[in-house]
Protein backbone atom coordinates (compact mmCIF):
# COMPACT_ATOMS: atom_id res chain seq x y z
CA MET A 1 41.83 -39.96 -24.17
CA MET A 2 39.40 -38.73 -26.74
CA LEU A 3 36.57 -39.37 -24.25
CA GLN A 4 38.63 -37.41 -21.42
CA VAL A 5 38.83 -34.50 -23.82
CA ALA A 6 35.22 -34.64 -24.85
CA PHE A 7 33.86 -35.00 -21.25
CA HIS A 8 36.41 -33.22 -19.10
CA ASP A 9 34.05 -30.55 -17.58
CA CYS A 10 30.63 -32.37 -18.44
CA SER A 11 28.22 -33.32 -15.58
CA ILE A 12 25.81 -34.88 -17.93
CA GLY A 13 24.98 -38.74 -17.76
CA VAL A 14 23.12 -41.25 -15.77
CA PRO A 15 23.69 -40.90 -11.96
CA ILE A 16 24.06 -44.16 -10.15
CA GLN A 17 24.34 -44.55 -6.32
CA PHE A 18 26.17 -47.70 -4.95
CA ARG A 19 28.12 -49.28 -2.17
CA THR A 20 31.05 -51.56 -2.34
CA ASP A 21 30.37 -53.29 1.03
CA GLY A 22 27.80 -55.66 1.95
CA SER A 23 25.11 -57.29 -0.33
CA VAL A 24 24.51 -55.90 -3.76
CA PHE A 25 20.78 -56.51 -3.49
CA ASN A 26 20.24 -55.01 -0.19
CA LEU A 27 18.29 -51.71 -1.19
CA ARG A 28 18.00 -50.45 2.51
CA ARG A 29 21.76 -49.99 2.57
CA LEU A 30 21.70 -47.75 -0.25
CA GLN A 31 19.58 -45.16 1.73
CA SER A 32 22.50 -44.75 4.02
CA GLN A 33 24.43 -41.57 3.47
CA THR A 34 27.69 -42.60 5.23
CA LYS A 35 29.02 -45.47 3.09
CA SER A 36 27.18 -44.98 -0.33
CA GLN A 37 28.90 -43.35 -3.30
CA SER A 38 27.69 -41.52 -6.39
CA GLN A 39 28.98 -41.60 -9.92
CA ILE A 40 27.77 -40.48 -13.33
CA ILE A 41 27.81 -42.80 -16.12
CA ARG A 42 28.00 -41.16 -19.47
CA ASP A 43 29.79 -43.90 -21.72
CA LEU A 44 29.98 -47.61 -22.25
CA LEU A 45 33.03 -48.93 -24.14
CA PHE A 46 32.89 -51.95 -26.20
CA ALA A 47 35.64 -53.35 -28.55
CA ASP A 48 35.48 -50.61 -30.92
CA ASP A 49 32.15 -48.93 -30.19
CA CYS A 50 30.96 -46.47 -27.62
CA ALA A 51 27.46 -46.08 -26.19
CA LEU A 52 26.72 -42.68 -24.66
CA LEU A 53 23.96 -42.49 -21.92
CA ALA A 54 21.81 -39.58 -20.91
CA ASP A 55 18.60 -38.93 -19.15
CA SER A 56 16.88 -36.73 -21.83
CA LYS A 57 17.14 -35.94 -25.62
CA ALA A 58 18.72 -32.66 -25.06
CA GLU A 59 21.48 -34.23 -22.79
CA ALA A 60 21.89 -36.87 -25.55
CA GLN A 61 22.45 -34.29 -28.10
CA GLU A 62 25.07 -32.46 -25.97
CA LEU A 63 26.97 -35.69 -25.39
CA PHE A 64 27.05 -36.48 -29.07
CA GLU A 65 28.17 -32.99 -30.00
CA ARG A 66 30.89 -33.24 -27.45
CA PHE A 67 31.83 -36.70 -28.73
CA SER A 68 31.78 -35.76 -32.39
CA GLY A 69 33.86 -32.61 -31.78
CA ALA A 70 36.58 -34.43 -29.95
CA ALA A 71 36.52 -37.11 -32.73
CA ARG A 72 37.07 -34.32 -35.23
CA ARG A 73 40.03 -32.96 -33.02
CA PHE A 74 41.64 -36.21 -33.01
CA GLY A 75 41.28 -36.94 -36.73
CA ILE A 76 38.58 -39.52 -36.29
CA SER A 77 35.28 -39.82 -38.30
CA VAL A 78 31.90 -40.84 -36.67
CA SER A 79 30.12 -43.08 -39.11
CA LEU A 80 26.64 -41.68 -39.29
CA LYS A 81 25.33 -44.82 -41.14
CA LYS A 82 26.29 -46.95 -38.12
CA THR A 83 25.27 -44.53 -35.56
CA GLU A 84 21.96 -45.54 -33.61
CA VAL A 85 19.91 -43.70 -31.34
CA MET A 86 17.77 -45.60 -28.70
CA LEU A 87 15.14 -44.62 -26.25
CA GLN A 88 13.88 -46.32 -23.22
CA PRO A 89 10.88 -44.20 -22.06
CA ALA A 90 9.48 -44.39 -18.48
CA SER A 91 6.17 -45.23 -19.89
CA ARG A 92 4.88 -46.13 -23.30
CA LEU A 93 2.57 -43.06 -23.47
CA ASN A 94 3.82 -40.36 -25.78
CA GLN A 95 6.72 -42.54 -27.11
CA THR A 96 8.54 -40.74 -30.03
CA ALA A 97 11.48 -41.67 -31.66
CA PRO A 98 14.53 -39.33 -30.83
CA LYS A 99 16.44 -37.54 -33.45
CA ILE A 100 20.01 -36.66 -32.59
CA MET A 101 21.79 -34.38 -35.12
CA ALA A 102 25.25 -34.33 -36.13
CA GLY A 103 26.18 -30.78 -36.86
CA SER A 104 23.85 -29.32 -39.36
CA VAL A 105 23.10 -32.71 -40.94
């Protein structure tokens, strides 16, 4: 429920396009406009963890602000010591470690 509150009007995330019929690895079928579907993936849930997905540092910051704000509203604290930020750059050139801020911290 907390994630629904945090992301109820959010369009940030990683867009994917998929089909539910045919072969998974037939890439030509994904180019079809008639039976392909698009969704945005912004969170991956694990046992007691949540991974937030974004295309840019600014989007990751926005997702984290929404997530931590909703957590506060539900009385849940986000452990900053356990929080990790990972970046998978498109190329290895100009690779810098991202810094996501929690409030003014």
